[in-house]
């Protein structure tokens, strides 16, 4: 469902030591993953 993709993003970042964002527009789900990673104390890299 529409809400389930943002929900799963916390698992992507939670499984990872770092998150790398490669191209993301305004409102992209990738930004939700990146912000979740920052909240979880993980490294975030942006291209």
ModelCIF file with pLDDT and N, C-alpha, C, O atoms, coordinates in Angstrom:
data_MODEL
#
_entry.id   MODEL 
#
_entity.id                         1 
_entity.type                       polymer 
_entity.pdbx_number_of_molecules   1 
#
_entity_poly.entity_id                      1 
_entity_poly.type                           'polypeptide(L)' 
_entity_poly.nstd_linkage                   no 
_entity_poly.nstd_monomer                   no 
_entity_poly.pdbx_seq_one_letter_code       
;(UNK)(UNK)(UNK)(UNK)(UNK)(UNK)(UNK)(UNK)(UNK)(UNK)(UNK)(UNK)(UNK)(UNK)(UNK)(UNK)
(UNK)(UNK)(UNK)(UNK)(UNK)(UNK)(UNK)(UNK)(UNK)(UNK)(UNK)(UNK)(UNK)(UNK)(UNK)(UNK)
(UNK)(UNK)(UNK)(UNK)(UNK)(UNK)(UNK)(UNK)(UNK)(UNK)(UNK)(UNK)(UNK)(UNK)(UNK)
;
_entity_poly.pdbx_seq_one_letter_code_can   XXXXXXXXXXXXXXXXXXXXXXXXXXXXXXXXXXXXXXXXXXXXXXX 
_entity_poly.pdbx_strand_id                 A 
#
loop_
_entity_poly_seq.entity_id 
_entity_poly_seq.num 
_entity_poly_seq.mon_id 
_entity_poly_seq.hetero 
1 1  UNK n 
1 2  UNK n 
1 3  UNK n 
1 4  UNK n 
1 5  UNK n 
1 6  UNK n 
1 7  UNK n 
1 8  UNK n 
1 9  UNK n 
1 10 UNK n 
1 11 UNK n 
1 12 UNK n 
1 13 UNK n 
1 14 UNK n 
1 15 UNK n 
1 16 UNK n 
1 17 UNK n 
1 18 UNK n 
1 19 UNK n 
1 20 UNK n 
1 21 UNK n 
1 22 UNK n 
1 23 UNK n 
1 24 UNK n 
1 25 UNK n 
1 26 UNK n 
1 27 UNK n 
1 28 UNK n 
1 29 UNK n 
1 30 UNK n 
1 31 UNK n 
1 32 UNK n 
1 33 UNK n 
1 34 UNK n 
1 35 UNK n 
1 36 UNK n 
1 37 UNK n 
1 38 UNK n 
1 39 UNK n 
1 40 UNK n 
1 41 UNK n 
1 42 UNK n 
1 43 UNK n 
1 44 UNK n 
1 45 UNK n 
1 46 UNK n 
1 47 UNK n 
#
_struct_asym.id          A 
_struct_asym.entity_id   1 
#
loop_
_ma_qa_metric.id 
_ma_qa_metric.mode 
_ma_qa_metric.name 
_ma_qa_metric.software_group_id 
_ma_qa_metric.type 
1 global pLDDT . pLDDT 
2 local  pLDDT . pLDDT 
#
_ma_qa_metric_global.metric_id      1 
_ma_qa_metric_global.metric_value   93.96 
_ma_qa_metric_global.model_id       1 
_ma_qa_metric_global.ordinal_id     1 
#
loop_
_ma_qa_metric_local.label_asym_id 
_ma_qa_metric_local.label_comp_id 
_ma_qa_metric_local.label_seq_id 
_ma_qa_metric_local.metric_id 
_ma_qa_metric_local.metric_value 
_ma_qa_metric_local.model_id 
_ma_qa_metric_local.ordinal_id 
A UNK 1  2 87.00 1 1  
A UNK 2  2 84.00 1 2  
A UNK 3  2 83.00 1 3  
A UNK 4  2 88.00 1 4  
A UNK 5  2 90.00 1 5  
A UNK 6  2 90.00 1 6  
A UNK 7  2 91.00 1 7  
A UNK 8  2 94.00 1 8  
A UNK 9  2 96.00 1 9  
A UNK 10 2 96.00 1 10 
A UNK 11 2 97.00 1 11 
A UNK 12 2 98.00 1 12 
A UNK 13 2 97.00 1 13 
A UNK 14 2 97.00 1 14 
A UNK 15 2 97.00 1 15 
A UNK 16 2 97.00 1 16 
A UNK 17 2 95.00 1 17 
A UNK 18 2 97.00 1 18 
A UNK 19 2 98.00 1 19 
A UNK 20 2 98.00 1 20 
A UNK 21 2 97.00 1 21 
A UNK 22 2 96.00 1 22 
A UNK 23 2 95.00 1 23 
A UNK 24 2 95.00 1 24 
A UNK 25 2 93.00 1 25 
A UNK 26 2 90.00 1 26 
A UNK 27 2 86.00 1 27 
A UNK 28 2 91.00 1 28 
A UNK 29 2 91.00 1 29 
A UNK 30 2 95.00 1 30 
A UNK 31 2 95.00 1 31 
A UNK 32 2 95.00 1 32 
A UNK 33 2 96.00 1 33 
A UNK 34 2 96.00 1 34 
A UNK 35 2 95.00 1 35 
A UNK 36 2 95.00 1 36 
A UNK 37 2 95.00 1 37 
A UNK 38 2 94.00 1 38 
A UNK 39 2 94.00 1 39 
A UNK 40 2 94.00 1 40 
A UNK 41 2 93.00 1 41 
A UNK 42 2 94.00 1 42 
A UNK 43 2 95.00 1 43 
A UNK 44 2 96.00 1 44 
A UNK 45 2 97.00 1 45 
A UNK 46 2 97.00 1 46 
A UNK 47 2 96.00 1 47 
#
loop_
_atom_site.group_PDB 
_atom_site.id 
_atom_site.type_symbol 
_atom_site.label_atom_id 
_atom_site.label_alt_id 
_atom_site.label_comp_id 
_atom_site.label_asym_id 
_atom_site.label_entity_id 
_atom_site.label_seq_id 
_atom_site.pdbx_PDB_ins_code 
_atom_site.Cartn_x 
_atom_site.Cartn_y 
_atom_site.Cartn_z 
_atom_site.occupancy 
_atom_site.B_iso_or_equiv 
_atom_site.pdbx_formal_charge 
_atom_site.auth_seq_id 
_atom_site.auth_comp_id 
_atom_site.auth_asym_id 
_atom_site.auth_atom_id 
_atom_site.pdbx_PDB_model_num 
ATOM 1   N N  . UNK A 1 1  ? 0.855  -1.186 0.000  1.00 87.00 ? 1  UNK A N  1 
ATOM 2   C CA . UNK A 1 1  ? 0.000  0.000  0.000  1.00 87.00 ? 1  UNK A CA 1 
ATOM 3   C C  . UNK A 1 1  ? 0.891  1.235  0.000  1.00 87.00 ? 1  UNK A C  1 
ATOM 4   O O  . UNK A 1 1  ? 2.103  1.141  0.190  1.00 87.00 ? 1  UNK A O  1 
ATOM 5   N N  . UNK A 1 2  ? 0.277  2.387  -0.214 1.00 84.00 ? 2  UNK A N  1 
ATOM 6   C CA . UNK A 1 2  ? 1.052  3.629  -0.298 1.00 84.00 ? 2  UNK A CA 1 
ATOM 7   C C  . UNK A 1 2  ? 1.861  3.867  0.967  1.00 84.00 ? 2  UNK A C  1 
ATOM 8   O O  . UNK A 1 2  ? 2.984  4.366  0.901  1.00 84.00 ? 2  UNK A O  1 
ATOM 9   N N  . UNK A 1 3  ? 1.293  3.510  2.135  1.00 83.00 ? 3  UNK A N  1 
ATOM 10  C CA . UNK A 1 3  ? 1.988  3.766  3.399  1.00 83.00 ? 3  UNK A CA 1 
ATOM 11  C C  . UNK A 1 3  ? 3.067  2.735  3.687  1.00 83.00 ? 3  UNK A C  1 
ATOM 12  O O  . UNK A 1 3  ? 3.963  2.985  4.494  1.00 83.00 ? 3  UNK A O  1 
ATOM 13  N N  . UNK A 1 4  ? 2.992  1.570  3.031  1.00 88.00 ? 4  UNK A N  1 
ATOM 14  C CA . UNK A 1 4  ? 3.907  0.490  3.408  1.00 88.00 ? 4  UNK A CA 1 
ATOM 15  C C  . UNK A 1 4  ? 5.330  0.694  2.889  1.00 88.00 ? 4  UNK A C  1 
ATOM 16  O O  . UNK A 1 4  ? 6.280  0.164  3.465  1.00 88.00 ? 4  UNK A O  1 
ATOM 17  N N  . UNK A 1 5  ? 5.481  1.460  1.801  1.00 90.00 ? 5  UNK A N  1 
ATOM 18  C CA . UNK A 1 5  ? 6.826  1.680  1.278  1.00 90.00 ? 5  UNK A CA 1 
ATOM 19  C C  . UNK A 1 5  ? 7.646  2.600  2.192  1.00 90.00 ? 5  UNK A C  1 
ATOM 20  O O  . UNK A 1 5  ? 8.793  2.274  2.498  1.00 90.00 ? 5  UNK A O  1 
ATOM 21  N N  . UNK A 1 6  ? 7.095  3.740  2.638  1.00 90.00 ? 6  UNK A N  1 
ATOM 22  C CA . UNK A 1 6  ? 7.841  4.520  3.635  1.00 90.00 ? 6  UNK A CA 1 
ATOM 23  C C  . UNK A 1 6  ? 8.110  3.726  4.910  1.00 90.00 ? 6  UNK A C  1 
ATOM 24  O O  . UNK A 1 6  ? 9.161  3.882  5.533  1.00 90.00 ? 6  UNK A O  1 
ATOM 25  N N  . UNK A 1 7  ? 7.153  2.870  5.301  1.00 91.00 ? 7  UNK A N  1 
ATOM 26  C CA . UNK A 1 7  ? 7.326  2.062  6.503  1.00 91.00 ? 7  UNK A CA 1 
ATOM 27  C C  . UNK A 1 7  ? 8.514  1.116  6.374  1.00 91.00 ? 7  UNK A C  1 
ATOM 28  O O  . UNK A 1 7  ? 9.269  0.920  7.326  1.00 91.00 ? 7  UNK A O  1 
ATOM 29  N N  . UNK A 1 8  ? 8.675  0.524  5.171  1.00 94.00 ? 8  UNK A N  1 
ATOM 30  C CA . UNK A 1 8  ? 9.769  -0.448 5.002  1.00 94.00 ? 8  UNK A CA 1 
ATOM 31  C C  . UNK A 1 8  ? 11.134 0.227  4.923  1.00 94.00 ? 8  UNK A C  1 
ATOM 32  O O  . UNK A 1 8  ? 12.162 -0.425 5.104  1.00 94.00 ? 8  UNK A O  1 
ATOM 33  N N  . UNK A 1 9  ? 11.146 1.552  4.650  1.00 96.00 ? 9  UNK A N  1 
ATOM 34  C CA . UNK A 1 9  ? 12.434 2.231  4.484  1.00 96.00 ? 9  UNK A CA 1 
ATOM 35  C C  . UNK A 1 9  ? 13.262 2.217  5.759  1.00 96.00 ? 9  UNK A C  1 
ATOM 36  O O  . UNK A 1 9  ? 14.492 2.226  5.701  1.00 96.00 ? 9  UNK A O  1 
ATOM 37  N N  . UNK A 1 10 ? 12.595 2.194  6.916  1.00 96.00 ? 10 UNK A N  1 
ATOM 38  C CA . UNK A 1 10 ? 13.353 2.137  8.178  1.00 96.00 ? 10 UNK A CA 1 
ATOM 39  C C  . UNK A 1 10 ? 14.102 0.812  8.299  1.00 96.00 ? 10 UNK A C  1 
ATOM 40  O O  . UNK A 1 10 ? 15.130 0.738  8.972  1.00 96.00 ? 10 UNK A O  1 
ATOM 41  N N  . UNK A 1 11 ? 13.586 -0.241 7.645  1.00 97.00 ? 11 UNK A N  1 
ATOM 42  C CA . UNK A 1 11 ? 14.274 -1.535 7.669  1.00 97.00 ? 11 UNK A CA 1 
ATOM 43  C C  . UNK A 1 11 ? 15.500 -1.485 6.773  1.00 97.00 ? 11 UNK A C  1 
ATOM 44  O O  . UNK A 1 11 ? 16.547 -2.029 7.124  1.00 97.00 ? 11 UNK A O  1 
ATOM 45  N N  . UNK A 1 12 ? 15.380 -0.836 5.614  1.00 98.00 ? 12 UNK A N  1 
ATOM 46  C CA . UNK A 1 12 ? 16.533 -0.695 4.718  1.00 98.00 ? 12 UNK A CA 1 
ATOM 47  C C  . UNK A 1 12 ? 17.682 -0.010 5.441  1.00 98.00 ? 12 UNK A C  1 
ATOM 48  O O  . UNK A 1 12 ? 18.811 -0.501 5.424  1.00 98.00 ? 12 UNK A O  1 
ATOM 49  N N  . UNK A 1 13 ? 17.399 1.123  6.076  1.00 97.00 ? 13 UNK A N  1 
ATOM 50  C CA . UNK A 1 13 ? 18.463 1.844  6.784  1.00 97.00 ? 13 UNK A CA 1 
ATOM 51  C C  . UNK A 1 13 ? 18.897 1.097  8.039  1.00 97.00 ? 13 UNK A C  1 
ATOM 52  O O  . UNK A 1 13 ? 20.072 1.120  8.404  1.00 97.00 ? 13 UNK A O  1 
ATOM 53  N N  . UNK A 1 14 ? 17.946 0.433  8.701  1.00 97.00 ? 14 UNK A N  1 
ATOM 54  C CA . UNK A 1 14 ? 18.285 -0.282 9.933  1.00 97.00 ? 14 UNK A CA 1 
ATOM 55  C C  . UNK A 1 14 ? 19.203 -1.466 9.717  1.00 97.00 ? 14 UNK A C  1 
ATOM 56  O O  . UNK A 1 14 ? 19.970 -1.832 10.608 1.00 97.00 ? 14 UNK A O  1 
ATOM 57  N N  . UNK A 1 15 ? 19.130 -2.071 8.537  1.00 97.00 ? 15 UNK A N  1 
ATOM 58  C CA . UNK A 1 15 ? 20.016 -3.198 8.218  1.00 97.00 ? 15 UNK A CA 1 
ATOM 59  C C  . UNK A 1 15 ? 21.396 -2.739 7.770  1.00 97.00 ? 15 UNK A C  1 
ATOM 60  O O  . UNK A 1 15 ? 22.303 -3.560 7.637  1.00 97.00 ? 15 UNK A O  1 
ATOM 61  N N  . UNK A 1 16 ? 21.569 -1.453 7.538  1.00 97.00 ? 16 UNK A N  1 
ATOM 62  C CA . UNK A 1 16 ? 22.763 -0.946 6.856  1.00 97.00 ? 16 UNK A CA 1 
ATOM 63  C C  . UNK A 1 16 ? 23.625 -0.082 7.765  1.00 97.00 ? 16 UNK A C  1 
ATOM 64  O O  . UNK A 1 16 ? 23.130 0.682  8.593  1.00 97.00 ? 16 UNK A O  1 
ATOM 65  N N  . UNK A 1 17 ? 24.927 -0.230 7.579  1.00 95.00 ? 17 UNK A N  1 
ATOM 66  C CA . UNK A 1 17 ? 25.863 0.612  8.321  1.00 95.00 ? 17 UNK A CA 1 
ATOM 67  C C  . UNK A 1 17 ? 25.861 2.033  7.775  1.00 95.00 ? 17 UNK A C  1 
ATOM 68  O O  . UNK A 1 17 ? 26.146 2.984  8.502  1.00 95.00 ? 17 UNK A O  1 
ATOM 69  N N  . UNK A 1 18 ? 25.541 2.174  6.499  1.00 97.00 ? 18 UNK A N  1 
ATOM 70  C CA . UNK A 1 18 ? 25.494 3.492  5.873  1.00 97.00 ? 18 UNK A CA 1 
ATOM 71  C C  . UNK A 1 18 ? 24.469 3.463  4.748  1.00 97.00 ? 18 UNK A C  1 
ATOM 72  O O  . UNK A 1 18 ? 24.181 2.407  4.185  1.00 97.00 ? 18 UNK A O  1 
ATOM 73  N N  . UNK A 1 19 ? 23.922 4.629  4.426  1.00 98.00 ? 19 UNK A N  1 
ATOM 74  C CA . UNK A 1 19 ? 22.965 4.764  3.332  1.00 98.00 ? 19 UNK A CA 1 
ATOM 75  C C  . UNK A 1 19 ? 23.517 5.742  2.315  1.00 98.00 ? 19 UNK A C  1 
ATOM 76  O O  . UNK A 1 19 ? 23.976 6.829  2.668  1.00 98.00 ? 19 UNK A O  1 
ATOM 77  N N  . UNK A 1 20 ? 23.470 5.348  1.040  1.00 98.00 ? 20 UNK A N  1 
ATOM 78  C CA . UNK A 1 20 ? 23.980 6.174  -0.054 1.00 98.00 ? 20 UNK A CA 1 
ATOM 79  C C  . UNK A 1 20 ? 22.804 6.550  -0.945 1.00 98.00 ? 20 UNK A C  1 
ATOM 80  O O  . UNK A 1 20 ? 22.119 5.674  -1.473 1.00 98.00 ? 20 UNK A O  1 
ATOM 81  N N  . UNK A 1 21 ? 22.568 7.840  -1.113 1.00 97.00 ? 21 UNK A N  1 
ATOM 82  C CA . UNK A 1 21 ? 21.461 8.319  -1.938 1.00 97.00 ? 21 UNK A CA 1 
ATOM 83  C C  . UNK A 1 21 ? 22.008 8.721  -3.306 1.00 97.00 ? 21 UNK A C  1 
ATOM 84  O O  . UNK A 1 21 ? 22.870 9.595  -3.409 1.00 97.00 ? 21 UNK A O  1 
ATOM 85  N N  . UNK A 1 22 ? 21.500 8.078  -4.346 1.00 96.00 ? 22 UNK A N  1 
ATOM 86  C CA . UNK A 1 22 ? 21.916 8.379  -5.718 1.00 96.00 ? 22 UNK A CA 1 
ATOM 87  C C  . UNK A 1 22 ? 20.697 8.919  -6.466 1.00 96.00 ? 22 UNK A C  1 
ATOM 88  O O  . UNK A 1 22 ? 19.819 8.147  -6.852 1.00 96.00 ? 22 UNK A O  1 
ATOM 89  N N  . UNK A 1 23 ? 20.636 10.183 -6.667 1.00 95.00 ? 23 UNK A N  1 
ATOM 90  C CA . UNK A 1 23 ? 19.518 10.852 -7.339 1.00 95.00 ? 23 UNK A CA 1 
ATOM 91  C C  . UNK A 1 23 ? 18.205 10.689 -6.573 1.00 95.00 ? 23 UNK A C  1 
ATOM 92  O O  . UNK A 1 23 ? 17.724 9.574  -6.374 1.00 95.00 ? 23 UNK A O  1 
ATOM 93  N N  . UNK A 1 24 ? 17.648 11.790 -6.156 1.00 95.00 ? 24 UNK A N  1 
ATOM 94  C CA . UNK A 1 24 ? 16.362 11.787 -5.451 1.00 95.00 ? 24 UNK A CA 1 
ATOM 95  C C  . UNK A 1 24 ? 15.721 13.147 -5.624 1.00 95.00 ? 24 UNK A C  1 
ATOM 96  O O  . UNK A 1 24 ? 16.330 14.175 -5.326 1.00 95.00 ? 24 UNK A O  1 
ATOM 97  N N  . UNK A 1 25 ? 14.505 13.151 -6.101 1.00 93.00 ? 25 UNK A N  1 
ATOM 98  C CA . UNK A 1 25 ? 13.771 14.401 -6.237 1.00 93.00 ? 25 UNK A CA 1 
ATOM 99  C C  . UNK A 1 25 ? 13.134 14.799 -4.919 1.00 93.00 ? 25 UNK A C  1 
ATOM 100 O O  . UNK A 1 25 ? 13.221 14.065 -3.935 1.00 93.00 ? 25 UNK A O  1 
ATOM 101 N N  . UNK A 1 26 ? 12.492 15.963 -4.898 1.00 90.00 ? 26 UNK A N  1 
ATOM 102 C CA . UNK A 1 26 ? 11.769 16.388 -3.705 1.00 90.00 ? 26 UNK A CA 1 
ATOM 103 C C  . UNK A 1 26 ? 10.672 15.367 -3.399 1.00 90.00 ? 26 UNK A C  1 
ATOM 104 O O  . UNK A 1 26 ? 9.934  14.969 -4.301 1.00 90.00 ? 26 UNK A O  1 
ATOM 105 N N  . UNK A 1 27 ? 10.557 14.948 -2.162 1.00 86.00 ? 27 UNK A N  1 
ATOM 106 C CA . UNK A 1 27 ? 9.534  13.992 -1.777 1.00 86.00 ? 27 UNK A CA 1 
ATOM 107 C C  . UNK A 1 27 ? 9.880  12.551 -2.085 1.00 86.00 ? 27 UNK A C  1 
ATOM 108 O O  . UNK A 1 27 ? 9.037  11.673 -1.901 1.00 86.00 ? 27 UNK A O  1 
ATOM 109 N N  . UNK A 1 28 ? 11.077 12.279 -2.542 1.00 91.00 ? 28 UNK A N  1 
ATOM 110 C CA . UNK A 1 28 ? 11.474 10.910 -2.862 1.00 91.00 ? 28 UNK A CA 1 
ATOM 111 C C  . UNK A 1 28 ? 11.514 10.045 -1.609 1.00 91.00 ? 28 UNK A C  1 
ATOM 112 O O  . UNK A 1 28 ? 11.898 10.510 -0.536 1.00 91.00 ? 28 UNK A O  1 
ATOM 113 N N  . UNK A 1 29 ? 11.110 8.770  -1.752 1.00 91.00 ? 29 UNK A N  1 
ATOM 114 C CA . UNK A 1 29 ? 11.197 7.836  -0.628 1.00 91.00 ? 29 UNK A CA 1 
ATOM 115 C C  . UNK A 1 29 ? 12.617 7.623  -0.165 1.00 91.00 ? 29 UNK A C  1 
ATOM 116 O O  . UNK A 1 29 ? 12.848 7.257  0.988  1.00 91.00 ? 29 UNK A O  1 
ATOM 117 N N  . UNK A 1 30 ? 13.585 7.850  -1.061 1.00 95.00 ? 30 UNK A N  1 
ATOM 118 C CA . UNK A 1 30 ? 14.988 7.702  -0.673 1.00 95.00 ? 30 UNK A CA 1 
ATOM 119 C C  . UNK A 1 30 ? 15.362 8.675  0.433  1.00 95.00 ? 30 UNK A C  1 
ATOM 120 O O  . UNK A 1 30 ? 16.210 8.369  1.270  1.00 95.00 ? 30 UNK A O  1 
ATOM 121 N N  . UNK A 1 31 ? 14.733 9.842  0.440  1.00 95.00 ? 31 UNK A N  1 
ATOM 122 C CA . UNK A 1 31 ? 15.004 10.820 1.496  1.00 95.00 ? 31 UNK A CA 1 
ATOM 123 C C  . UNK A 1 31 ? 14.457 10.342 2.832  1.00 95.00 ? 31 UNK A C  1 
ATOM 124 O O  . UNK A 1 31 ? 15.036 10.626 3.881  1.00 95.00 ? 31 UNK A O  1 
ATOM 125 N N  . UNK A 1 32 ? 13.337 9.613  2.797  1.00 95.00 ? 32 UNK A N  1 
ATOM 126 C CA . UNK A 1 32 ? 12.802 9.021  4.035  1.00 95.00 ? 32 UNK A CA 1 
ATOM 127 C C  . UNK A 1 32 ? 13.798 8.016  4.585  1.00 95.00 ? 32 UNK A C  1 
ATOM 128 O O  . UNK A 1 32 ? 14.036 7.965  5.792  1.00 95.00 ? 32 UNK A O  1 
ATOM 129 N N  . UNK A 1 33 ? 14.384 7.211  3.696  1.00 96.00 ? 33 UNK A N  1 
ATOM 130 C CA . UNK A 1 33 ? 15.396 6.240  4.123  1.00 96.00 ? 33 UNK A CA 1 
ATOM 131 C C  . UNK A 1 33 ? 16.603 6.950  4.726  1.00 96.00 ? 33 UNK A C  1 
ATOM 132 O O  . UNK A 1 33 ? 17.123 6.530  5.759  1.00 96.00 ? 33 UNK A O  1 
ATOM 133 N N  . UNK A 1 34 ? 17.050 8.029  4.077  1.00 96.00 ? 34 UNK A N  1 
ATOM 134 C CA . UNK A 1 34 ? 18.210 8.763  4.565  1.00 96.00 ? 34 UNK A CA 1 
ATOM 135 C C  . UNK A 1 34 ? 17.940 9.382  5.931  1.00 96.00 ? 34 UNK A C  1 
ATOM 136 O O  . UNK A 1 34 ? 18.796 9.335  6.815  1.00 96.00 ? 34 UNK A O  1 
ATOM 137 N N  . UNK A 1 35 ? 16.752 9.962  6.109  1.00 95.00 ? 35 UNK A N  1 
ATOM 138 C CA . UNK A 1 35 ? 16.427 10.569 7.412  1.00 95.00 ? 35 UNK A CA 1 
ATOM 139 C C  . UNK A 1 35 ? 16.293 9.503  8.496  1.00 95.00 ? 35 UNK A C  1 
ATOM 140 O O  . UNK A 1 35 ? 16.669 9.731  9.646  1.00 95.00 ? 35 UNK A O  1 
ATOM 141 N N  . UNK A 1 36 ? 15.753 8.332  8.125  1.00 95.00 ? 36 UNK A N  1 
ATOM 142 C CA . UNK A 1 36 ? 15.690 7.233  9.096  1.00 95.00 ? 36 UNK A CA 1 
ATOM 143 C C  . UNK A 1 36 ? 17.090 6.799  9.498  1.00 95.00 ? 36 UNK A C  1 
ATOM 144 O O  . UNK A 1 36 ? 17.342 6.501  10.666 1.00 95.00 ? 36 UNK A O  1 
ATOM 145 N N  . UNK A 1 37 ? 17.996 6.765  8.534  1.00 95.00 ? 37 UNK A N  1 
ATOM 146 C CA . UNK A 1 37 ? 19.379 6.391  8.836  1.00 95.00 ? 37 UNK A CA 1 
ATOM 147 C C  . UNK A 1 37 ? 20.018 7.384  9.803  1.00 95.00 ? 37 UNK A C  1 
ATOM 148 O O  . UNK A 1 37 ? 20.728 6.983  10.725 1.00 95.00 ? 37 UNK A O  1 
ATOM 149 N N  . UNK A 1 38 ? 19.770 8.671  9.597  1.00 94.00 ? 38 UNK A N  1 
ATOM 150 C CA . UNK A 1 38 ? 20.322 9.682  10.499 1.00 94.00 ? 38 UNK A CA 1 
ATOM 151 C C  . UNK A 1 38 ? 19.754 9.521  11.901 1.00 94.00 ? 38 UNK A C  1 
ATOM 152 O O  . UNK A 1 38 ? 20.485 9.648  12.883 1.00 94.00 ? 38 UNK A O  1 
ATOM 153 N N  . UNK A 1 39 ? 18.460 9.243  12.004 1.00 94.00 ? 39 UNK A N  1 
ATOM 154 C CA . UNK A 1 39 ? 17.839 9.029  13.312 1.00 94.00 ? 39 UNK A CA 1 
ATOM 155 C C  . UNK A 1 39 ? 18.389 7.781  14.001 1.00 94.00 ? 39 UNK A C  1 
ATOM 156 O O  . UNK A 1 39 ? 18.445 7.714  15.229 1.00 94.00 ? 39 UNK A O  1 
ATOM 157 N N  . UNK A 1 40 ? 18.790 6.806  13.209 1.00 94.00 ? 40 UNK A N  1 
ATOM 158 C CA . UNK A 1 40 ? 19.340 5.568  13.757 1.00 94.00 ? 40 UNK A CA 1 
ATOM 159 C C  . UNK A 1 40 ? 20.835 5.674  14.033 1.00 94.00 ? 40 UNK A C  1 
ATOM 160 O O  . UNK A 1 40 ? 21.455 4.707  14.474 1.00 94.00 ? 40 UNK A O  1 
ATOM 161 N N  . UNK A 1 41 ? 21.413 6.840  13.776 1.00 93.00 ? 41 UNK A N  1 
ATOM 162 C CA . UNK A 1 41 ? 22.834 7.050  14.042 1.00 93.00 ? 41 UNK A CA 1 
ATOM 163 C C  . UNK A 1 41 ? 23.742 6.449  12.995 1.00 93.00 ? 41 UNK A C  1 
ATOM 164 O O  . UNK A 1 41 ? 24.901 6.150  13.281 1.00 93.00 ? 41 UNK A O  1 
ATOM 165 N N  . UNK A 1 42 ? 23.236 6.265  11.783 1.00 94.00 ? 42 UNK A N  1 
ATOM 166 C CA . UNK A 1 42 ? 24.031 5.675  10.706 1.00 94.00 ? 42 UNK A CA 1 
ATOM 167 C C  . UNK A 1 42 ? 24.583 6.766  9.784  1.00 94.00 ? 42 UNK A C  1 
ATOM 168 O O  . UNK A 1 42 ? 24.066 7.882  9.748  1.00 94.00 ? 42 UNK A O  1 
ATOM 169 N N  . UNK A 1 43 ? 25.627 6.432  9.049  1.00 95.00 ? 43 UNK A N  1 
ATOM 170 C CA . UNK A 1 43 ? 26.211 7.371  8.098  1.00 95.00 ? 43 UNK A CA 1 
ATOM 171 C C  . UNK A 1 43 ? 25.316 7.517  6.876  1.00 95.00 ? 43 UNK A C  1 
ATOM 172 O O  . UNK A 1 43 ? 24.667 6.560  6.452  1.00 95.00 ? 43 UNK A O  1 
ATOM 173 N N  . UNK A 1 44 ? 25.287 8.721  6.314  1.00 96.00 ? 44 UNK A N  1 
ATOM 174 C CA . UNK A 1 44 ? 24.540 8.988  5.094  1.00 96.00 ? 44 UNK A CA 1 
ATOM 175 C C  . UNK A 1 44 ? 25.459 9.694  4.101  1.00 96.00 ? 44 UNK A C  1 
ATOM 176 O O  . UNK A 1 44 ? 26.147 10.657 4.440  1.00 96.00 ? 44 UNK A O  1 
ATOM 177 N N  . UNK A 1 45 ? 25.450 9.193  2.874  1.00 97.00 ? 45 UNK A N  1 
ATOM 178 C CA . UNK A 1 45 ? 26.241 9.780  1.793  1.00 97.00 ? 45 UNK A CA 1 
ATOM 179 C C  . UNK A 1 45 ? 25.294 10.163 0.662  1.00 97.00 ? 45 UNK A C  1 
ATOM 180 O O  . UNK A 1 45 ? 24.310 9.470  0.402  1.00 97.00 ? 45 UNK A O  1 
ATOM 181 N N  . UNK A 1 46 ? 25.599 11.266 -0.003 1.00 97.00 ? 46 UNK A N  1 
ATOM 182 C CA . UNK A 1 46 ? 24.753 11.754 -1.085 1.00 97.00 ? 46 UNK A CA 1 
ATOM 183 C C  . UNK A 1 46 ? 25.607 12.016 -2.312 1.00 97.00 ? 46 UNK A C  1 
ATOM 184 O O  . UNK A 1 46 ? 26.673 12.626 -2.220 1.00 97.00 ? 46 UNK A O  1 
ATOM 185 N N  . UNK A 1 47 ? 25.131 11.551 -3.465 1.00 96.00 ? 47 UNK A N  1 
ATOM 186 C CA . UNK A 1 47 ? 25.779 11.877 -4.735 1.00 96.00 ? 47 UNK A CA 1 
ATOM 187 C C  . UNK A 1 47 ? 25.217 13.214 -5.200 1.00 96.00 ? 47 UNK A C  1 
ATOM 188 O O  . UNK A 1 47 ? 25.606 13.713 -6.257 1.00 96.00 ? 47 UNK A O  1 
#
